[in-house]
Amino acid sequence: MNKEIRTLLAFAAPYRLPLAMGLGLMLGESALALAVPWLGGRIAGTFIPEQAGAWADPQLLLLAMLAVLAAQALLKFGNLYILGGTADRIAADLKIRVYDHLQALPLGFFHQRRQGEALALLTHDVQVVSGYLSGSALGVVPLFLTVLGALVFMLRIQALLAVLAVILIPLHVLLIKVLGRRLRPLARQLQEEHAQAIAIVEENLGMLPAIKTFTREEEESERHRKQIEQVVRLSARERRIHAALGPAIQLMAAIAVVLVLWLAQKALGHGSLTPSQLVSFLLYGQLMTRPMSGLADLYGQTQRMRGALRPLAEVLAQEPEAGRHPGKRMPNIQGGIEFRGVSFAYPGCAPALKRLDLSIAAGQTVAILGPNGAGKSTIAHLLLRLHEVSEGSILIDGVDISTVSLRSLRRQIGIVPQHVLLFHASVRDNIAYGRPEPTQEEIEAAARAARAHDFILRLPQGYDTRIGDRGVRLSGGQQQRLALARALLKDPPILILDEATAMFDPQGEREFLQACSEVLRQRTVLLITHRPASLELADRVVRLQDGALAQSGEERGALVSAE
């Protein structure tokens, strides 16, 4: 619990000024609320001649009551306005902080989780925590002030009856514990089911072509419906507890008031309590029931917050990628690459690479062959430090890449992945993504080199055509050409082509090879491919088998024939 409090305080620290202002307005509203029962008793006394005194003018008392209520309304408005804006700002800044941290985490973190879990953090959990910080948590002090103030005034009016009210308070606390103890595990389960619902939607929208191809629409709709119904059922259980908690507290308080009235009959008879004092006492008792109900709700909100805070704190505690922050800058790369005894295994899997030794000269195009699972793409990922080696080291131009900042390393390496990643943006924006503010001429030159310029001009708006999520409005070959144009515009000294021609037809592949041969000679190229035609670009061919180097040499023709 202490760790959770420290985490909450850390989240709240940047907003301490507006939160303090909101707290001050709450305290002022609570102080005015304590004046209402006192005025109510005085107003009641004006209707009893024998009770009339210095405050006997009902008009003056009514004006005072109106002024107090108006001031309460103004304080309430200011409180809602300030804290509402603060809640939005906390939620926005938390979303930015969580997103930036997620983006800084290594890919291995996401390989062990569903994307829906991250989306739930940025939606449900952030809203719960920000709402608690600017609402429930901040209201604790005014609630206690109202309870304490009401008790003090009740003691001044009739001590014996006030002591009775104090004795009844533990019963309220007991009820809070009984009904509220189920809220924390329920809140955690609700968060997990909510994340699962988001994950199903995110996954199915990405898999929509497969769902339609296999006519699984009804089954996936049913799976989504069941998950949503589970969220609704858990929400209903949580809502029932919340709904029962407040009224139950209020009912117990009302019973206590009735009991106090019954006992007050004797005090009235003895003259130790006047009718106007009884009115004030009852109003203070009624005033105290609202904070007690609020405290009951605070308990439930706290359990819900703890359920949302746990995954947020766990994610923010994850270490970002090593070397992500500014550090030693990678010098301008010539392109010499060396793997020295490199081993690597994905979590829970057999080693993908086993003490790999491989040297590639600057400016050389090396084709990397091997069956699926041999470790070909892993070489590319390790070179970009998307994963860190388990053993050994990788050097570029004699510099150990683990000692340099990721930004300076990755800016000098380009990659065209087998599974192309494109944005829902224009063709121009997608090509320009790898280089800040390129000219139109530079974009078109990269598109021509990737054999993409001609088909782009045939699109409805040319380079301004929006291509849909992940480039869905383009064919597979067109997507890969855009990805290649993006990599070429970056003009990296090292270029990785991971099955970059897999979606090309034979004629397109030949045209691509002819167009790119000159461009590729200007840099070091790792060509991961199974296509014999692509091997014509290679100066050297190496073969991987079970994560180890099986064959390497300059005899390209024999190896191509073996394929």
Protein backbone atom coordinates (compact mmCIF):
# COMPACT_ATOMS: atom_id res chain seq x y z
CA MET A 1 0.00 0.00 0.00
CA ASN A 2 2.87 2.40 0.81
CA LYS A 3 4.30 1.77 -2.67
CA GLU A 4 0.91 2.57 -4.21
CA ILE A 5 0.72 5.83 -2.24
CA ARG A 6 4.20 6.82 -3.41
CA THR A 7 3.23 6.06 -7.00
CA LEU A 8 0.07 8.16 -6.71
CA LEU A 9 1.98 11.05 -5.15
CA ALA A 10 4.50 10.89 -7.98
CA PHE A 11 1.66 11.09 -10.52
CA ALA A 12 0.07 14.02 -8.64
CA ALA A 13 3.25 16.04 -7.97
CA PRO A 14 3.26 18.04 -11.26
CA TYR A 15 -0.30 19.21 -10.57
CA ARG A 16 0.03 20.13 -6.90
CA LEU A 17 -0.97 23.79 -7.47
CA PRO A 18 -4.37 23.20 -9.17
CA LEU A 19 -5.03 20.25 -6.83
CA ALA A 20 -4.30 22.50 -3.84
CA MET A 21 -6.65 25.14 -5.24
CA GLY A 22 -9.37 22.51 -5.67
CA LEU A 23 -8.78 21.27 -2.13
CA GLY A 24 -9.07 24.83 -0.80
CA LEU A 25 -12.41 25.28 -2.57
CA MET A 26 -13.62 21.96 -1.13
CA LEU A 27 -12.63 23.02 2.37
CA GLY A 28 -14.42 26.34 1.95
CA GLU A 29 -17.53 24.54 0.75
CA SER A 30 -17.37 22.20 3.77
CA ALA A 31 -17.01 25.15 6.15
CA LEU A 32 -20.08 26.82 4.66
CA ALA A 33 -21.97 23.55 4.87
CA LEU A 34 -21.37 23.54 8.64
CA ALA A 35 -23.00 26.98 8.89
CA VAL A 36 -26.27 25.80 7.31
CA PRO A 37 -27.54 23.71 10.31
CA TRP A 38 -26.71 26.55 12.70
CA LEU A 39 -28.72 29.01 10.59
CA GLY A 40 -31.47 26.43 10.18
CA GLY A 41 -31.85 26.18 13.96
CA ARG A 42 -31.95 29.96 14.32
CA ILE A 43 -34.60 30.23 11.60
CA ALA A 44 -36.67 27.55 13.32
CA GLY A 45 -36.33 29.52 16.60
CA THR A 46 -37.95 32.62 15.07
CA PHE A 47 -41.19 30.68 14.69
CA ILE A 48 -41.23 30.01 18.46
CA PRO A 49 -41.80 33.29 20.36
CA GLU A 50 -40.14 32.15 23.55
CA GLN A 51 -37.00 31.23 21.57
CA ALA A 52 -36.66 34.65 19.89
CA GLY A 53 -33.50 36.57 20.70
CA ALA A 54 -30.77 38.60 19.04
CA TRP A 55 -31.23 36.64 15.84
CA ALA A 56 -35.03 36.92 15.85
CA ASP A 57 -35.33 38.74 12.49
CA PRO A 58 -36.37 35.95 10.08
CA GLN A 59 -35.64 38.08 7.00
CA LEU A 60 -32.05 38.65 8.09
CA LEU A 61 -31.61 34.95 8.83
CA LEU A 62 -33.11 33.95 5.48
CA LEU A 63 -30.82 36.37 3.65
CA ALA A 64 -27.84 34.92 5.53
CA MET A 65 -28.95 31.41 4.56
CA LEU A 66 -29.30 32.49 0.91
CA ALA A 67 -25.83 34.06 0.96
CA VAL A 68 -24.30 30.86 2.39
CA LEU A 69 -26.03 28.68 -0.20
CA ALA A 70 -24.96 31.03 -3.03
CA ALA A 71 -21.36 30.99 -1.81
CA GLN A 72 -21.51 27.18 -1.65
CA ALA A 73 -22.72 27.08 -5.26
CA LEU A 74 -19.89 29.36 -6.41
CA LEU A 75 -17.28 27.29 -4.60
CA LYS A 76 -18.77 24.12 -6.08
CA PHE A 77 -18.59 25.60 -9.57
CA GLY A 78 -14.96 26.65 -9.12
CA ASN A 79 -14.11 23.26 -7.68
CA LEU A 80 -15.70 21.32 -10.56
CA TYR A 81 -14.15 23.62 -13.16
CA ILE A 82 -10.61 23.50 -11.78
CA LEU A 83 -10.54 19.83 -10.85
CA GLY A 84 -12.34 18.77 -14.03
CA GLY A 85 -9.65 20.47 -16.10
CA THR A 86 -6.94 19.03 -13.87
CA ALA A 87 -8.36 15.52 -14.29
CA ASP A 88 -8.25 15.93 -18.07
CA ARG A 89 -4.67 17.19 -17.89
CA ILE A 90 -3.57 14.34 -15.61
CA ALA A 91 -5.20 11.80 -17.92
CA ALA A 92 -3.62 13.38 -21.00
CA ASP A 93 -0.15 13.56 -19.46
CA LEU A 94 -0.42 10.02 -18.12
CA LYS A 95 -1.42 8.75 -21.56
CA ILE A 96 1.58 10.53 -23.07
CA ARG A 97 3.91 9.19 -20.38
CA VAL A 98 2.63 5.61 -20.67
CA TYR A 99 2.69 5.71 -24.48
CA ASP A 100 6.24 7.09 -24.57
CA HIS A 101 7.35 4.43 -22.10
CA LEU A 102 5.65 1.65 -24.07
CA GLN A 103 7.37 2.90 -27.20
CA ALA A 104 10.73 2.81 -25.41
CA LEU A 105 10.35 -0.79 -24.24
CA PRO A 106 12.10 -3.61 -26.11
CA LEU A 107 10.09 -5.70 -28.55
CA GLY A 108 10.41 -8.70 -26.25
CA PHE A 109 8.01 -7.02 -23.83
CA PHE A 110 5.26 -6.98 -26.45
CA HIS A 111 5.97 -10.50 -27.66
CA GLN A 112 4.78 -11.77 -24.27
CA ARG A 113 1.58 -9.70 -24.14
CA ARG A 114 -1.45 -8.91 -26.23
CA GLN A 115 -1.71 -5.43 -27.71
CA GLY A 116 -5.12 -5.04 -26.09
CA GLU A 117 -3.43 -4.93 -22.67
CA ALA A 118 -1.47 -1.84 -23.72
CA LEU A 119 -4.60 -0.24 -25.18
CA ALA A 120 -6.45 -0.85 -21.90
CA LEU A 121 -3.66 0.93 -20.02
CA LEU A 122 -4.07 3.99 -22.23
CA THR A 123 -7.85 4.09 -21.91
CA HIS A 124 -9.50 2.47 -18.89
CA ASP A 125 -6.65 2.44 -16.36
CA VAL A 126 -5.42 5.98 -17.00
CA GLN A 127 -8.96 7.38 -16.66
CA VAL A 128 -9.57 5.54 -13.37
CA VAL A 129 -6.32 6.76 -11.81
CA SER A 130 -6.66 10.37 -13.02
CA GLY A 131 -10.26 10.54 -11.80
CA TYR A 132 -9.24 9.22 -8.40
CA LEU A 133 -6.40 11.72 -8.02
CA SER A 134 -8.55 14.74 -8.86
CA GLY A 135 -11.72 13.55 -7.14
CA SER A 136 -11.96 10.77 -4.59
CA ALA A 137 -8.50 11.12 -3.03
CA LEU A 138 -8.69 14.90 -2.84
CA GLY A 139 -12.11 14.79 -1.17
CA VAL A 140 -10.88 12.82 1.88
CA VAL A 141 -9.85 15.92 3.86
CA PRO A 142 -13.13 17.85 3.31
CA LEU A 143 -15.12 14.73 4.21
CA PHE A 144 -13.29 14.30 7.51
CA LEU A 145 -13.54 18.03 8.18
CA THR A 146 -17.31 17.91 7.70
CA VAL A 147 -17.67 14.90 10.01
CA LEU A 148 -15.41 16.43 12.67
CA GLY A 149 -17.08 19.83 12.46
CA ALA A 150 -20.57 18.33 12.71
CA LEU A 151 -19.52 16.32 15.80
CA VAL A 152 -18.04 19.40 17.49
CA PHE A 153 -21.25 21.40 17.02
CA MET A 154 -23.36 18.45 18.14
CA LEU A 155 -21.25 18.14 21.32
CA ARG A 156 -21.80 21.82 22.05
CA ILE A 157 -25.55 21.41 21.63
CA GLN A 158 -26.07 18.17 23.60
CA ALA A 159 -23.01 16.16 24.62
CA LEU A 160 -24.86 12.96 25.58
CA LEU A 161 -26.63 12.67 22.24
CA ALA A 162 -23.40 13.49 20.39
CA VAL A 163 -21.57 10.68 22.24
CA LEU A 164 -24.32 8.32 21.11
CA ALA A 165 -23.71 9.41 17.51
CA VAL A 166 -19.97 8.74 17.93
CA ILE A 167 -20.71 5.25 19.24
CA LEU A 168 -22.74 4.50 16.11
CA ILE A 169 -19.91 5.46 13.73
CA PRO A 170 -18.01 2.11 14.09
CA LEU A 171 -21.12 0.38 12.75
CA HIS A 172 -20.75 2.44 9.58
CA VAL A 173 -17.09 1.47 9.30
CA LEU A 174 -17.95 -2.20 9.76
CA LEU A 175 -20.50 -2.04 6.96
CA ILE A 176 -17.95 -0.38 4.70
CA LYS A 177 -15.52 -3.23 5.33
CA VAL A 178 -18.10 -5.98 4.79
CA LEU A 179 -19.40 -4.62 1.50
CA GLY A 180 -16.14 -3.13 0.25
CA ARG A 181 -13.75 -6.03 0.77
CA ARG A 182 -14.96 -7.67 -2.45
CA LEU A 183 -14.31 -4.60 -4.58
CA ARG A 184 -10.54 -4.86 -5.05
CA PRO A 185 -10.39 -8.35 -6.64
CA LEU A 186 -13.51 -7.47 -8.61
CA ALA A 187 -11.88 -4.28 -9.91
CA ARG A 188 -8.77 -6.22 -10.94
CA GLN A 189 -10.84 -8.86 -12.74
CA LEU A 190 -12.88 -6.17 -14.48
CA GLN A 191 -9.69 -4.51 -15.71
CA GLU A 192 -8.39 -7.81 -17.10
CA GLU A 193 -11.67 -8.59 -18.86
CA HIS A 194 -11.81 -5.07 -20.26
CA ALA A 195 -8.29 -5.49 -21.66
CA GLN A 196 -9.31 -8.83 -23.17
CA ALA A 197 -12.28 -7.21 -24.93
CA ILE A 198 -10.05 -4.52 -26.43
CA ALA A 199 -7.52 -7.17 -27.48
CA ILE A 200 -10.20 -9.16 -29.34
CA VAL A 201 -11.33 -6.10 -31.28
CA GLU A 202 -7.77 -5.00 -32.11
CA GLU A 203 -6.76 -8.50 -33.21
CA ASN A 204 -9.88 -9.21 -35.25
CA LEU A 205 -9.77 -5.93 -37.13
CA GLY A 206 -6.20 -6.76 -38.14
CA MET A 207 -7.25 -10.31 -39.09
CA LEU A 208 -10.39 -9.24 -40.95
CA PRO A 209 -9.31 -10.65 -44.35
CA ALA A 210 -8.66 -14.08 -42.78
CA ILE A 211 -11.96 -13.94 -40.87
CA LYS A 212 -13.85 -13.25 -44.09
CA THR A 213 -11.89 -15.81 -46.10
CA PHE A 214 -12.67 -18.57 -43.62
CA THR A 215 -16.25 -17.29 -43.07
CA ARG A 216 -15.70 -16.97 -39.35
CA GLU A 217 -17.69 -13.75 -38.92
CA GLU A 218 -20.41 -15.35 -36.78
CA GLU A 219 -17.94 -17.16 -34.53
CA GLU A 220 -15.80 -14.07 -33.96
CA SER A 221 -18.88 -11.95 -33.38
CA GLU A 222 -20.05 -14.47 -30.80
CA ARG A 223 -16.62 -14.48 -29.11
CA HIS A 224 -16.63 -10.69 -28.93
CA ARG A 225 -20.23 -10.62 -27.69
CA LYS A 226 -19.47 -13.09 -24.89
CA GLN A 227 -16.46 -11.05 -23.79
CA ILE A 228 -18.47 -7.82 -23.74
CA GLU A 229 -21.23 -9.56 -21.77
CA GLN A 230 -18.63 -10.72 -19.26
CA VAL A 231 -17.45 -7.11 -18.84
CA VAL A 232 -21.08 -6.01 -18.41
CA ARG A 233 -21.71 -8.73 -15.79
CA LEU A 234 -18.64 -7.74 -13.78
CA SER A 235 -19.56 -4.07 -14.10
CA ALA A 236 -23.05 -4.87 -12.83
CA ARG A 237 -21.60 -6.70 -9.81
CA GLU A 238 -19.31 -3.77 -9.06
CA ARG A 239 -22.19 -1.35 -9.56
CA ARG A 240 -24.44 -3.33 -7.21
CA ILE A 241 -21.86 -3.12 -4.44
CA HIS A 242 -21.33 0.59 -5.06
CA ALA A 243 -25.09 1.15 -5.21
CA ALA A 244 -25.67 -0.77 -1.99
CA LEU A 245 -22.84 0.80 -0.04
CA GLY A 246 -24.01 4.42 -0.05
CA PRO A 247 -27.72 3.82 0.66
CA ALA A 248 -26.88 1.28 3.37
CA ILE A 249 -24.75 3.85 5.14
CA GLN A 250 -27.45 6.48 4.76
CA LEU A 251 -30.10 4.08 6.10
CA MET A 252 -28.01 3.32 9.17
CA ALA A 253 -27.50 7.04 9.70
CA ALA A 254 -31.23 7.66 9.40
CA ILE A 255 -31.94 4.95 11.96
CA ALA A 256 -29.45 6.65 14.25
CA VAL A 257 -31.25 9.98 13.79
CA VAL A 258 -34.58 8.38 14.70
CA LEU A 259 -32.97 6.88 17.79
CA VAL A 260 -31.56 10.28 18.70
CA LEU A 261 -35.02 11.85 18.33
CA TRP A 262 -36.48 9.25 20.64
CA LEU A 263 -33.86 10.03 23.26
CA ALA A 264 -34.19 13.78 22.68
CA GLN A 265 -37.77 13.70 23.97
CA LYS A 266 -36.50 13.49 27.56
CA ALA A 267 -34.00 16.30 27.03
CA LEU A 268 -36.77 18.52 25.67
CA GLY A 269 -38.93 17.66 28.65
CA HIS A 270 -36.18 18.58 31.13
CA GLY A 271 -35.41 21.84 29.30
CA SER A 272 -31.77 20.93 28.62
CA LEU A 273 -32.47 21.08 24.90
CA THR A 274 -34.51 23.72 23.08
CA PRO A 275 -36.52 23.04 19.90
CA SER A 276 -34.20 25.26 17.83
CA GLN A 277 -31.16 23.38 19.17
CA LEU A 278 -32.85 20.10 18.29
CA VAL A 279 -33.38 21.32 14.73
CA SER A 280 -29.70 22.28 14.46
CA PHE A 281 -28.66 18.97 16.02
CA LEU A 282 -30.72 16.98 13.53
CA LEU A 283 -29.42 19.01 10.62
CA TYR A 284 -25.85 18.40 11.76
CA GLY A 285 -26.66 14.71 12.04
CA GLN A 286 -28.08 14.73 8.53
CA LEU A 287 -25.03 16.65 7.31
CA MET A 288 -22.78 13.99 8.82
CA THR A 289 -24.53 11.20 6.90
CA ARG A 290 -23.39 12.59 3.54
CA PRO A 291 -19.65 12.44 4.36
CA MET A 292 -20.16 8.96 5.82
CA SER A 293 -21.75 7.89 2.54
CA GLY A 294 -18.89 9.62 0.72
CA LEU A 295 -16.34 7.71 2.79
CA ALA A 296 -18.08 4.47 1.89
CA ASP A 297 -17.87 5.38 -1.79
CA LEU A 298 -14.23 6.41 -1.32
CA TYR A 299 -13.42 2.90 -0.12
CA GLY A 300 -14.91 1.38 -3.26
CA GLN A 301 -13.20 3.91 -5.51
CA THR A 302 -9.88 3.21 -3.79
CA GLN A 303 -10.16 -0.51 -4.48
CA ARG A 304 -11.02 0.20 -8.11
CA MET A 305 -8.05 2.58 -8.38
CA ARG A 306 -5.70 -0.02 -6.92
CA GLY A 307 -6.86 -2.52 -9.53
CA ALA A 308 -6.02 -0.02 -12.30
CA LEU A 309 -2.81 1.29 -10.72
CA ARG A 310 -1.16 -2.12 -10.50
CA PRO A 311 -0.72 -2.73 -14.27
CA LEU A 312 0.23 0.92 -14.81
CA ALA A 313 2.95 0.74 -12.18
CA GLU A 314 4.20 -2.61 -13.51
CA VAL A 315 4.58 -1.26 -17.05
CA LEU A 316 6.27 1.96 -15.94
CA ALA A 317 8.69 -0.12 -13.86
CA GLN A 318 9.85 -2.00 -16.97
CA GLU A 319 13.32 -1.04 -18.15
CA PRO A 320 13.43 0.67 -21.57
CA GLU A 321 15.69 -0.50 -24.34
CA ALA A 322 19.35 -0.47 -23.36
CA GLY A 323 21.18 2.42 -24.97
CA ARG A 324 17.99 4.24 -25.91
CA HIS A 325 18.92 7.37 -24.03
CA PRO A 326 21.63 9.72 -25.33
CA GLY A 327 25.07 8.23 -25.02
CA LYS A 328 28.07 7.53 -27.20
CA ARG A 329 27.27 8.45 -30.78
CA MET A 330 27.86 5.92 -33.51
CA PRO A 331 30.39 7.40 -35.98
CA ASN A 332 29.44 7.63 -39.64
CA ILE A 333 29.26 4.05 -40.83
CA GLN A 334 31.34 2.67 -43.69
CA GLY A 335 29.52 -0.66 -43.47
CA GLY A 336 31.89 -3.34 -42.20
CA ILE A 337 29.96 -5.84 -40.03
CA GLU A 338 31.28 -8.55 -37.72
CA PHE A 339 29.38 -11.05 -35.56
CA ARG A 340 31.69 -12.51 -32.89
CA GLY A 341 30.37 -15.63 -31.14
CA VAL A 342 26.82 -14.26 -31.12
CA SER A 343 24.13 -16.34 -29.41
CA PHE A 344 20.50 -15.36 -28.92
CA ALA A 345 17.25 -17.02 -27.81
CA TYR A 346 13.74 -15.60 -27.72
CA PRO A 347 12.05 -15.98 -24.30
CA GLY A 348 10.88 -19.53 -23.76
CA CYS A 349 12.33 -20.77 -27.09
CA ALA A 350 15.36 -22.71 -28.26
CA PRO A 351 18.38 -20.62 -29.30
CA ALA A 352 17.83 -18.83 -32.61
CA LEU A 353 21.58 -18.22 -33.05
CA LYS A 354 24.45 -20.30 -31.63
CA ARG A 355 27.87 -18.69 -31.36
CA LEU A 356 27.65 -17.19 -34.82
CA ASP A 357 30.87 -15.84 -36.37
CA LEU A 358 30.33 -13.82 -39.54
CA SER A 359 32.30 -11.01 -41.21
CA ILE A 360 30.94 -8.79 -43.98
CA ALA A 361 33.14 -6.25 -45.73
CA ALA A 362 31.96 -2.68 -46.25
CA GLY A 363 30.12 -2.25 -49.54
CA GLN A 364 29.52 -5.97 -49.93
CA THR A 365 26.15 -7.51 -50.78
CA VAL A 366 25.73 -10.76 -48.86
CA ALA A 367 22.83 -13.12 -49.41
CA ILE A 368 21.77 -15.04 -46.31
CA LEU A 369 20.02 -18.35 -46.99
CA GLY A 370 18.49 -21.00 -44.80
CA PRO A 371 15.22 -22.71 -43.94
CA ASN A 372 12.54 -21.06 -41.83
CA GLY A 373 13.71 -20.75 -38.24
CA ALA A 374 17.39 -20.84 -39.17
CA GLY A 375 17.95 -17.36 -37.68
CA LYS A 376 18.09 -15.20 -40.82
CA SER A 377 15.70 -12.46 -39.66
CA THR A 378 17.19 -12.65 -36.15
CA ILE A 379 20.48 -11.42 -37.61
CA ALA A 380 18.70 -8.34 -38.92
CA HIS A 381 16.93 -7.73 -35.60
CA LEU A 382 20.14 -8.02 -33.61
CA LEU A 383 21.98 -5.70 -35.97
CA LEU A 384 19.30 -3.06 -35.35
CA ARG A 385 19.33 -3.93 -31.64
CA LEU A 386 15.61 -4.65 -31.65
CA HIS A 387 16.82 -7.45 -29.39
CA GLU A 388 20.04 -7.67 -27.39
CA VAL A 389 22.48 -10.54 -27.88
CA SER A 390 22.65 -13.18 -25.16
CA GLU A 391 26.36 -13.82 -25.75
CA GLY A 392 29.08 -12.40 -27.96
CA SER A 393 29.18 -9.03 -29.68
CA ILE A 394 28.32 -7.30 -32.94
CA LEU A 395 30.71 -4.73 -34.38
CA ILE A 396 30.25 -2.22 -37.16
CA ASP A 397 33.50 -0.72 -38.45
CA GLY A 398 35.13 -2.13 -35.32
CA VAL A 399 32.69 -0.40 -32.92
CA ASP A 400 30.66 -2.58 -30.55
CA ILE A 401 27.07 -1.55 -31.25
CA SER A 402 26.06 -2.23 -27.63
CA THR A 403 28.12 0.80 -26.58
CA VAL A 404 26.36 3.39 -28.77
CA SER A 405 22.97 5.08 -28.61
CA LEU A 406 20.17 3.36 -30.45
CA ARG A 407 19.23 6.50 -32.35
CA SER A 408 22.68 7.02 -33.84
CA LEU A 409 22.86 3.33 -34.78
CA ARG A 410 19.42 2.86 -36.29
CA ARG A 411 19.54 6.08 -38.31
CA GLN A 412 22.35 4.52 -40.37
CA ILE A 413 20.65 1.18 -41.05
CA GLY A 414 17.68 0.70 -43.37
CA ILE A 415 15.42 -2.32 -43.57
CA VAL A 416 12.69 -3.57 -45.86
CA PRO A 417 10.91 -6.23 -43.78
CA GLN A 418 9.09 -9.24 -45.15
CA HIS A 419 5.89 -8.03 -43.49
CA VAL A 420 5.62 -4.44 -44.66
CA LEU A 421 4.56 -1.83 -42.09
CA LEU A 422 2.79 1.17 -43.61
CA PHE A 423 0.73 3.98 -42.08
CA HIS A 424 -2.78 5.15 -42.88
CA ALA A 425 -1.42 8.19 -44.66
CA SER A 426 -0.51 9.38 -48.16
CA VAL A 427 2.03 7.67 -50.38
CA ARG A 428 4.27 10.71 -49.96
CA ASP A 429 4.09 10.58 -46.15
CA ASN A 430 4.91 6.88 -46.08
CA ILE A 431 7.97 7.25 -48.29
CA ALA A 432 9.15 10.35 -46.42
CA TYR A 433 8.79 8.67 -43.00
CA GLY A 434 12.44 7.62 -42.83
CA ARG A 435 13.92 11.05 -43.49
CA PRO A 436 12.95 14.45 -42.05
CA GLU A 437 11.49 16.95 -44.53
CA PRO A 438 12.70 15.53 -47.87
CA THR A 439 11.98 17.38 -51.11
CA GLN A 440 9.49 16.08 -53.64
CA GLU A 441 12.38 15.40 -56.02
CA GLU A 442 14.12 13.22 -53.43
CA ILE A 443 10.89 11.30 -52.74
CA GLU A 444 10.32 10.68 -56.43
CA ALA A 445 13.95 9.62 -56.95
CA ALA A 446 13.60 7.01 -54.19
CA ALA A 447 10.29 5.83 -55.69
CA ARG A 448 11.91 5.45 -59.12
CA ALA A 449 14.79 3.47 -57.66
CA ALA A 450 12.26 1.13 -56.00
CA ARG A 451 10.28 0.84 -59.27
CA ALA A 452 7.30 2.47 -57.56
CA HIS A 453 7.00 5.82 -59.37
CA ASP A 454 4.95 4.58 -62.32
CA PHE A 455 2.25 2.83 -60.30
CA ILE A 456 2.08 5.78 -57.87
CA LEU A 457 1.26 8.13 -60.76
CA ARG A 458 -1.62 5.81 -61.72
CA LEU A 459 -3.20 6.12 -58.27
CA PRO A 460 -6.23 8.47 -57.97
CA GLN A 461 -4.30 11.31 -56.30
CA GLY A 462 -0.78 10.19 -57.17
CA TYR A 463 1.61 10.80 -54.30
CA ASP A 464 -1.25 12.31 -52.25
CA THR A 465 -3.30 9.08 -52.34
CA ARG A 466 -4.08 7.70 -48.89
CA ILE A 467 -3.37 3.98 -48.76
CA GLY A 468 -5.46 2.83 -45.76
CA ASP A 469 -4.44 1.01 -42.60
CA ARG A 470 -1.20 -0.91 -43.22
CA GLY A 471 -1.45 -0.05 -46.92
CA VAL A 472 -4.55 -2.18 -47.41
CA ARG A 473 -5.51 -0.32 -50.62
CA LEU A 474 -2.31 -1.45 -52.33
CA SER A 475 -1.23 -4.85 -53.59
CA GLY A 476 1.47 -6.77 -51.76
CA GLY A 477 4.07 -5.91 -54.38
CA GLN A 478 3.14 -2.22 -54.28
CA GLN A 479 3.45 -2.22 -50.51
CA GLN A 480 6.95 -3.68 -50.68
CA ARG A 481 8.03 -1.15 -53.29
CA LEU A 482 6.88 1.69 -51.04
CA ALA A 483 8.78 0.15 -48.13
CA LEU A 484 11.88 -0.11 -50.31
CA ALA A 485 11.49 3.51 -51.47
CA ARG A 486 11.23 4.57 -47.81
CA ALA A 487 14.44 2.70 -46.98
CA LEU A 488 16.31 4.08 -50.01
CA LEU A 489 15.26 7.67 -49.20
CA LYS A 490 16.87 7.20 -45.80
CA ASP A 491 20.09 6.52 -47.76
CA PRO A 492 21.61 4.23 -45.10
CA PRO A 493 25.16 2.86 -45.36
CA ILE A 494 23.73 -0.56 -44.39
CA LEU A 495 20.57 -1.89 -46.01
CA ILE A 496 18.72 -5.06 -44.99
CA LEU A 497 16.33 -6.62 -47.51
CA ASP A 498 14.32 -9.30 -45.71
CA GLU A 499 12.53 -11.16 -48.53
CA ALA A 500 12.02 -7.73 -50.12
CA THR A 501 11.01 -9.19 -53.51
CA ALA A 502 8.73 -11.91 -52.13
CA MET A 503 5.58 -10.19 -53.40
CA PHE A 504 7.01 -9.29 -56.84
CA ASP A 505 6.05 -11.15 -59.98
CA PRO A 506 9.03 -12.52 -61.99
CA GLN A 507 9.04 -9.58 -64.42
CA GLY A 508 8.76 -7.06 -61.59
CA GLU A 509 11.57 -8.77 -59.75
CA ARG A 510 13.85 -8.62 -62.79
CA GLU A 511 13.05 -4.93 -63.28
CA PHE A 512 13.72 -4.27 -59.62
CA LEU A 513 17.06 -6.04 -59.73
CA GLN A 514 18.15 -4.14 -62.80
CA ALA A 515 17.08 -0.80 -61.32
CA CYS A 516 18.58 -1.41 -57.87
CA SER A 517 21.88 -3.00 -58.79
CA GLU A 518 23.64 0.37 -58.99
CA VAL A 519 21.98 1.71 -55.85
CA LEU A 520 22.88 -1.36 -53.80
CA ARG A 521 26.55 -1.23 -54.83
CA GLN A 522 26.87 2.01 -52.90
CA ARG A 523 26.23 0.38 -49.52
CA THR A 524 26.54 -2.82 -47.48
CA VAL A 525 23.53 -5.03 -48.16
CA LEU A 526 22.21 -8.03 -46.23
CA LEU A 527 19.93 -9.86 -48.64
CA ILE A 528 17.70 -12.35 -46.84
CA THR A 529 15.95 -14.29 -49.59
CA HIS A 530 14.89 -17.60 -51.09
CA ARG A 531 14.53 -16.23 -54.63
CA PRO A 532 17.28 -17.41 -57.03
CA ALA A 533 16.92 -14.25 -59.14
CA SER A 534 17.66 -12.07 -56.11
CA LEU A 535 20.87 -13.96 -55.48
CA GLU A 536 22.25 -12.46 -58.69
CA LEU A 537 22.76 -9.25 -56.72
CA ALA A 538 24.97 -10.94 -54.12
CA ASP A 539 28.75 -10.76 -54.00
CA ARG A 540 28.71 -13.57 -51.47
CA VAL A 541 26.26 -16.16 -50.19
CA VAL A 542 26.13 -17.63 -46.68
CA ARG A 543 23.87 -20.37 -45.39
CA LEU A 544 22.44 -20.75 -41.88
CA GLN A 545 21.25 -24.00 -40.37
CA ASP A 546 19.75 -24.21 -36.88
CA GLY A 547 21.21 -20.85 -35.87
CA ALA A 548 24.75 -21.62 -36.96
CA LEU A 549 26.81 -20.85 -40.07
CA ALA A 550 26.58 -23.90 -42.33
CA GLN A 551 28.32 -22.57 -45.44
CA SER A 552 29.98 -19.38 -46.62
CA GLY A 553 31.92 -18.50 -49.72
CA GLU A 554 32.31 -16.69 -52.97
CA GLU A 555 31.03 -19.57 -55.12
CA ARG A 556 27.67 -17.99 -55.68
CA GLY A 557 26.66 -20.07 -58.70
CA ALA A 558 26.92 -23.41 -56.93
CA LEU A 559 24.90 -22.19 -54.00
CA VAL A 560 22.23 -20.71 -56.25
CA SER A 561 21.95 -24.01 -58.07
CA ALA A 562 21.60 -25.80 -54.74
CA GLU A 563 18.59 -23.66 -53.92
